Amino acid sequence: MPARVNDEKCEGCETCVDECPVEAISMNDDGIAVIDEDECIDCEACVDVCPNDAISMV
């Protein structure tokens, strides 16, 4: 199952973008992380580095 971003917790720090080994995370126009579910490999690297606990595995 791919990771999901809680829009209310994401502060747009982009830490997850840099950590994703398959570049499945980008930032939307509002500065919120967006995960491409088709590209996500469920490695949980983004979950581990998010300082706001805004990303979780579904």
C-alpha atoms as a PDB file:
ATOM      1  CA  MET A   1       0.000   0.000   0.000  1.00  0.00           C
ATOM      2  CA  PRO A   2       1.375   3.419  -0.895  1.00  0.00           C
ATOM      3  CA  ALA A   3       2.105   6.170   1.581  1.00  0.00           C
ATOM      4  CA  ARG A   4      -0.437   8.945   2.097  1.00  0.00           C
ATOM      5  CA  VAL A   5       0.046  12.572   3.119  1.00  0.00           C
ATOM      6  CA  ASN A   6      -2.128  14.261   5.732  1.00  0.00           C
ATOM      7  CA  ASP A   7      -2.627  17.710   4.155  1.00  0.00           C
ATOM      8  CA  GLU A   8      -3.360  19.292   7.522  1.00  0.00           C
ATOM      9  CA  LYS A   9      -0.023  18.193   9.005  1.00  0.00           C
ATOM     10  CA  CYS A  10       2.250  18.740   5.995  1.00  0.00           C
ATOM     11  CA  GLU A  11       4.201  21.987   6.284  1.00  0.00           C
ATOM     12  CA  GLY A  12       5.943  21.725   2.916  1.00  0.00           C
ATOM     13  CA  CYS A  13       9.486  21.174   4.192  1.00  0.00           C
ATOM     14  CA  GLU A  14      10.283  18.879   1.220  1.00  0.00           C
ATOM     15  CA  THR A  15      12.305  16.471   3.374  1.00  0.00           C
ATOM     16  CA  CYS A  16      10.286  13.566   1.975  1.00  0.00           C
ATOM     17  CA  VAL A  17      10.925  14.679  -1.605  1.00  0.00           C
ATOM     18  CA  ASP A  18      14.682  14.455  -1.066  1.00  0.00           C
ATOM     19  CA  GLU A  19      14.423  11.098   0.730  1.00  0.00           C
ATOM     20  CA  CYS A  20      12.250   9.198  -1.767  1.00  0.00           C
ATOM     21  CA  PRO A  21      14.481   6.753  -3.681  1.00  0.00           C
ATOM     22  CA  VAL A  22      12.110   6.548  -6.660  1.00  0.00           C
ATOM     23  CA  GLU A  23      11.165  10.242  -6.863  1.00  0.00           C
ATOM     24  CA  ALA A  24       7.485   9.461  -6.254  1.00  0.00           C
ATOM     25  CA  ILE A  25       6.916  12.611  -4.169  1.00  0.00           C
ATOM     26  CA  SER A  26       6.415  16.126  -5.460  1.00  0.00           C
ATOM     27  CA  MET A  27       4.980  19.341  -4.075  1.00  0.00           C
ATOM     28  CA  ASN A  28       1.645  20.731  -5.249  1.00  0.00           C
ATOM     29  CA  ASP A  29       0.927  24.427  -5.855  1.00  0.00           C
ATOM     30  CA  ASP A  30      -0.115  24.823  -2.202  1.00  0.00           C
ATOM     31  CA  GLY A  31       3.251  23.535  -0.965  1.00  0.00           C
ATOM     32  CA  ILE A  32       1.883  20.194   0.182  1.00  0.00           C
ATOM     33  CA  ALA A  33       3.599  16.883  -0.590  1.00  0.00           C
ATOM     34  CA  VAL A  34       1.857  14.622  -3.097  1.00  0.00           C
ATOM     35  CA  ILE A  35       2.762  10.957  -3.496  1.00  0.00           C
ATOM     36  CA  ASP A  36       2.357   9.241  -6.860  1.00  0.00           C
ATOM     37  CA  GLU A  37       0.739   5.988  -5.777  1.00  0.00           C
ATOM     38  CA  ASP A  38       1.783   4.253  -8.997  1.00  0.00           C
ATOM     39  CA  GLU A  39       5.456   5.059  -8.369  1.00  0.00           C
ATOM     40  CA  CYS A  40       5.555   4.506  -4.591  1.00  0.00           C
ATOM     41  CA  ILE A  41       7.431   1.303  -3.643  1.00  0.00           C
ATOM     42  CA  ASP A  42       6.221   1.219  -0.015  1.00  0.00           C
ATOM     43  CA  CYS A  43       9.727   1.646   1.413  1.00  0.00           C
ATOM     44  CA  GLU A  44       8.484   3.972   4.192  1.00  0.00           C
ATOM     45  CA  ALA A  45      11.539   6.225   3.876  1.00  0.00           C
ATOM     46  CA  CYS A  46       9.281   9.285   3.724  1.00  0.00           C
ATOM     47  CA  VAL A  47       7.360   8.152   6.814  1.00  0.00           C
ATOM     48  CA  ASP A  48      10.605   7.880   8.787  1.00  0.00           C
ATOM     49  CA  VAL A  49      11.915  11.343   7.870  1.00  0.00           C
ATOM     50  CA  CYS A  50       8.751  13.463   8.070  1.00  0.00           C
ATOM     51  CA  PRO A  51       9.231  15.815  11.032  1.00  0.00           C
ATOM     52  CA  ASN A  52       5.484  16.439  11.318  1.00  0.00           C
ATOM     53  CA  ASP A  53       4.242  12.825  11.131  1.00  0.00           C
ATOM     54  CA  ALA A  54       2.239  13.900   8.088  1.00  0.00           C
ATOM     55  CA  ILE A  55       2.936  10.744   6.094  1.00  0.00           C
ATOM     56  CA  SER A  56       1.643   7.290   6.897  1.00  0.00           C
ATOM     57  CA  MET A  57       1.233   3.950   5.202  1.00  0.00           C
ATOM     58  CA  VAL A  58      -2.359   3.150   4.321  1.00  0.00           C
END
